[in-house]
Amino acid sequence: MFAGDQCAFPVYLVNGPNPVADSQMTASSEYVPIDGGYYGPSQARLNNVLVDFANNTYNAGIWTSAIPQDTNQYIQVSN
């Protein structure tokens, strides 16, 4: 869904009023730390921010693959 070299629907990947559902976002892998943080594919949204919860877990505000040196890692959004 591109118009020229730009995504025709960029707002779907932005934290906003009508983003794609987290369940529509998958990744080749995701980093799972022992400290309770979440670095899953839904964290790859534009304008995402760190959210620290009271139960010592947090949304990191970024997607991180489980294999950082692997340049073939990806995020996929399905409709």
N, C-alpha and C. Protein backbone atom coordinates (compact mmCIF):
# COMPACT_ATOMS: atom_id res chain seq x y z
N MET A 1 0.82 -1.18 0.00
CA MET A 1 0.00 0.00 0.00
C MET A 1 0.86 1.24 0.00
N PHE A 2 1.53 1.46 -1.09
CA PHE A 2 2.40 2.60 -1.21
C PHE A 2 1.93 3.52 -2.33
N ALA A 3 2.11 4.78 -2.12
CA ALA A 3 1.84 5.80 -3.15
C ALA A 3 3.19 6.41 -3.47
N GLY A 4 3.77 6.01 -4.59
CA GLY A 4 5.13 6.43 -4.88
C GLY A 4 6.07 5.71 -3.93
N ASP A 5 6.84 6.45 -3.16
CA ASP A 5 7.74 5.84 -2.20
C ASP A 5 7.27 6.00 -0.76
N GLN A 6 6.01 6.38 -0.59
CA GLN A 6 5.47 6.58 0.75
C GLN A 6 4.30 5.64 1.02
N CYS A 7 4.21 5.17 2.26
CA CYS A 7 3.10 4.32 2.67
C CYS A 7 1.81 5.12 2.59
N ALA A 8 0.78 4.55 1.96
CA ALA A 8 -0.49 5.26 1.80
C ALA A 8 -1.27 5.35 3.11
N PHE A 9 -0.99 4.47 4.06
CA PHE A 9 -1.73 4.44 5.31
C PHE A 9 -0.79 4.41 6.51
N PRO A 10 0.07 5.40 6.68
CA PRO A 10 1.06 5.35 7.76
C PRO A 10 0.45 5.37 9.16
N VAL A 11 -0.75 5.90 9.31
CA VAL A 11 -1.35 6.02 10.64
C VAL A 11 -1.64 4.66 11.27
N TYR A 12 -1.69 3.62 10.47
CA TYR A 12 -1.99 2.30 11.03
C TYR A 12 -0.86 1.75 11.90
N LEU A 13 0.34 2.25 11.70
CA LEU A 13 1.47 1.81 12.52
C LEU A 13 1.84 2.83 13.58
N VAL A 14 0.99 3.81 13.77
CA VAL A 14 1.22 4.83 14.77
C VAL A 14 0.29 4.56 15.95
N ASN A 15 0.77 4.80 17.16
CA ASN A 15 -0.14 4.73 18.30
C ASN A 15 -1.11 5.89 18.14
N GLY A 16 -2.31 5.61 17.84
CA GLY A 16 -3.28 6.65 17.59
C GLY A 16 -4.69 6.09 17.63
N PRO A 17 -5.65 6.78 17.04
CA PRO A 17 -7.05 6.40 17.17
C PRO A 17 -7.43 5.08 16.49
N ASN A 18 -6.79 4.71 15.39
CA ASN A 18 -7.17 3.49 14.67
C ASN A 18 -5.96 2.68 14.21
N PRO A 19 -5.09 2.28 15.10
CA PRO A 19 -3.92 1.51 14.67
C PRO A 19 -4.29 0.07 14.36
N VAL A 20 -3.42 -0.64 13.66
CA VAL A 20 -3.64 -2.07 13.46
C VAL A 20 -3.60 -2.73 14.83
N ALA A 21 -4.30 -3.83 14.96
CA ALA A 21 -4.32 -4.56 16.24
C ALA A 21 -2.97 -5.20 16.51
N ASP A 22 -2.60 -5.30 17.77
CA ASP A 22 -1.35 -5.96 18.12
C ASP A 22 -1.29 -7.36 17.54
N SER A 23 -2.42 -8.04 17.48
CA SER A 23 -2.47 -9.42 16.96
C SER A 23 -2.14 -9.50 15.47
N GLN A 24 -2.19 -8.37 14.76
CA GLN A 24 -1.86 -8.34 13.34
C GLN A 24 -0.36 -8.16 13.10
N MET A 25 0.38 -7.91 14.16
CA MET A 25 1.81 -7.65 14.04
C MET A 25 2.58 -8.86 14.57
N THR A 26 3.43 -9.41 13.71
CA THR A 26 4.28 -10.53 14.10
C THR A 26 5.72 -10.18 13.73
N ALA A 27 6.65 -10.95 14.28
CA ALA A 27 8.06 -10.71 13.99
C ALA A 27 8.77 -12.05 13.84
N SER A 28 9.90 -12.01 13.18
CA SER A 28 10.70 -13.22 13.00
C SER A 28 11.20 -13.73 14.35
N SER A 29 11.41 -12.83 15.29
CA SER A 29 11.78 -13.19 16.66
C SER A 29 11.59 -11.96 17.53
N GLU A 30 11.63 -12.17 18.83
CA GLU A 30 11.59 -11.03 19.74
C GLU A 30 12.42 -11.34 20.98
N TYR A 31 13.06 -10.33 21.46
CA TYR A 31 13.89 -10.44 22.66
C TYR A 31 12.99 -10.57 23.88
N VAL A 32 13.29 -11.55 24.74
CA VAL A 32 12.52 -11.75 25.97
C VAL A 32 13.50 -11.65 27.14
N PRO A 33 13.55 -10.49 27.80
CA PRO A 33 14.49 -10.32 28.92
C PRO A 33 13.98 -10.99 30.19
N ILE A 34 14.88 -11.19 31.12
CA ILE A 34 14.48 -11.78 32.39
C ILE A 34 13.87 -10.76 33.35
N ASP A 35 13.94 -9.48 33.00
CA ASP A 35 13.45 -8.44 33.90
C ASP A 35 11.99 -8.08 33.71
N GLY A 36 11.25 -8.78 32.85
CA GLY A 36 9.83 -8.52 32.70
C GLY A 36 9.46 -7.54 31.62
N GLY A 37 10.40 -7.02 30.87
CA GLY A 37 10.09 -6.08 29.80
C GLY A 37 9.48 -6.76 28.59
N TYR A 38 8.81 -5.98 27.77
CA TYR A 38 8.21 -6.50 26.55
C TYR A 38 8.77 -5.76 25.34
N TYR A 39 9.40 -6.48 24.44
CA TYR A 39 10.03 -5.93 23.25
C TYR A 39 9.41 -6.52 21.99
N GLY A 40 8.16 -6.95 22.05
CA GLY A 40 7.48 -7.62 20.94
C GLY A 40 7.20 -6.70 19.76
N PRO A 41 6.66 -7.27 18.68
CA PRO A 41 6.46 -6.51 17.45
C PRO A 41 5.52 -5.31 17.58
N SER A 42 4.56 -5.36 18.48
CA SER A 42 3.66 -4.21 18.63
C SER A 42 4.40 -2.99 19.17
N GLN A 43 5.58 -3.21 19.75
CA GLN A 43 6.39 -2.11 20.26
C GLN A 43 7.08 -1.33 19.14
N ALA A 44 6.98 -1.82 17.90
CA ALA A 44 7.63 -1.15 16.77
C ALA A 44 6.81 0.00 16.21
N ARG A 45 5.68 0.29 16.80
CA ARG A 45 4.84 1.38 16.31
C ARG A 45 5.57 2.71 16.36
N LEU A 46 5.27 3.55 15.40
CA LEU A 46 5.82 4.91 15.40
C LEU A 46 5.25 5.67 16.59
N ASN A 47 6.03 6.52 17.18
CA ASN A 47 5.63 7.34 18.33
C ASN A 47 5.33 6.51 19.57
N ASN A 48 5.83 5.31 19.65
CA ASN A 48 5.65 4.47 20.82
C ASN A 48 6.58 4.95 21.92
N VAL A 49 6.17 4.83 23.16
CA VAL A 49 7.00 5.29 24.28
C VAL A 49 7.09 4.21 25.34
N LEU A 50 8.10 4.32 26.16
CA LEU A 50 8.28 3.42 27.28
C LEU A 50 7.12 3.58 28.26
N VAL A 51 6.54 2.46 28.70
CA VAL A 51 5.49 2.49 29.71
C VAL A 51 5.94 1.55 30.83
N ASP A 52 6.09 2.09 32.02
CA ASP A 52 6.55 1.31 33.17
C ASP A 52 5.34 1.01 34.05
N PHE A 53 5.05 -0.29 34.23
CA PHE A 53 3.91 -0.70 35.04
C PHE A 53 4.34 -0.94 36.48
N ALA A 54 3.40 -0.88 37.40
CA ALA A 54 3.68 -1.02 38.83
C ALA A 54 4.18 -2.41 39.22
N ASN A 55 3.88 -3.43 38.41
CA ASN A 55 4.25 -4.80 38.77
C ASN A 55 5.62 -5.20 38.21
N ASN A 56 6.50 -4.22 38.03
CA ASN A 56 7.86 -4.44 37.54
C ASN A 56 7.93 -5.00 36.13
N THR A 57 6.93 -4.71 35.31
CA THR A 57 6.99 -5.03 33.89
C THR A 57 6.89 -3.72 33.12
N TYR A 58 7.25 -3.75 31.87
CA TYR A 58 7.16 -2.52 31.09
C TYR A 58 7.08 -2.84 29.60
N ASN A 59 6.49 -1.92 28.87
CA ASN A 59 6.55 -1.92 27.42
C ASN A 59 7.75 -1.07 27.07
N ALA A 60 8.68 -1.64 26.36
CA ALA A 60 9.96 -0.98 26.11
C ALA A 60 9.86 0.22 25.18
N GLY A 61 8.84 0.25 24.34
CA GLY A 61 8.74 1.33 23.37
C GLY A 61 9.54 1.05 22.11
N ILE A 62 10.15 -0.14 22.03
CA ILE A 62 10.91 -0.55 20.84
C ILE A 62 10.76 -2.05 20.63
N TRP A 63 10.82 -2.48 19.37
CA TRP A 63 10.91 -3.91 19.08
C TRP A 63 12.38 -4.26 19.02
N THR A 64 12.75 -5.38 19.61
CA THR A 64 14.11 -5.87 19.56
C THR A 64 14.06 -7.34 19.21
N SER A 65 14.83 -7.73 18.21
CA SER A 65 14.85 -9.14 17.82
C SER A 65 15.64 -9.94 18.84
N ALA A 66 15.42 -11.24 18.84
CA ALA A 66 16.16 -12.12 19.74
C ALA A 66 17.59 -12.32 19.27
N ILE A 67 17.85 -12.01 18.00
CA ILE A 67 19.18 -12.23 17.42
C ILE A 67 19.65 -10.90 16.80
N PRO A 68 20.15 -9.97 17.60
CA PRO A 68 20.46 -8.63 17.09
C PRO A 68 21.48 -8.60 15.96
N GLN A 69 22.39 -9.56 15.89
CA GLN A 69 23.40 -9.56 14.84
C GLN A 69 22.85 -10.08 13.50
N ASP A 70 21.67 -10.67 13.50
CA ASP A 70 21.06 -11.22 12.28
C ASP A 70 20.33 -10.11 11.54
N THR A 71 20.81 -9.75 10.38
CA THR A 71 20.21 -8.66 9.61
C THR A 71 18.98 -9.11 8.82
N ASN A 72 18.55 -10.35 8.97
CA ASN A 72 17.38 -10.85 8.27
C ASN A 72 16.13 -10.87 9.15
N GLN A 73 16.18 -10.23 10.31
CA GLN A 73 15.02 -10.17 11.19
C GLN A 73 14.00 -9.18 10.61
N TYR A 74 12.72 -9.42 10.88
CA TYR A 74 11.69 -8.56 10.26
C TYR A 74 10.44 -8.49 11.13
N ILE A 75 9.63 -7.49 10.82
CA ILE A 75 8.29 -7.33 11.39
C ILE A 75 7.32 -7.46 10.23
N GLN A 76 6.21 -8.15 10.48
CA GLN A 76 5.20 -8.33 9.45
C GLN A 76 3.84 -7.85 9.97
N VAL A 77 3.12 -7.14 9.16
CA VAL A 77 1.79 -6.66 9.51
C VAL A 77 0.80 -7.29 8.54
N SER A 78 -0.17 -8.02 9.08
CA SER A 78 -1.17 -8.65 8.22
C SER A 78 -2.49 -7.90 8.31
N ASN A 79 -3.32 -8.07 7.31
CA ASN A 79 -4.62 -7.39 7.34
C ASN A 79 -5.74 -8.36 7.54
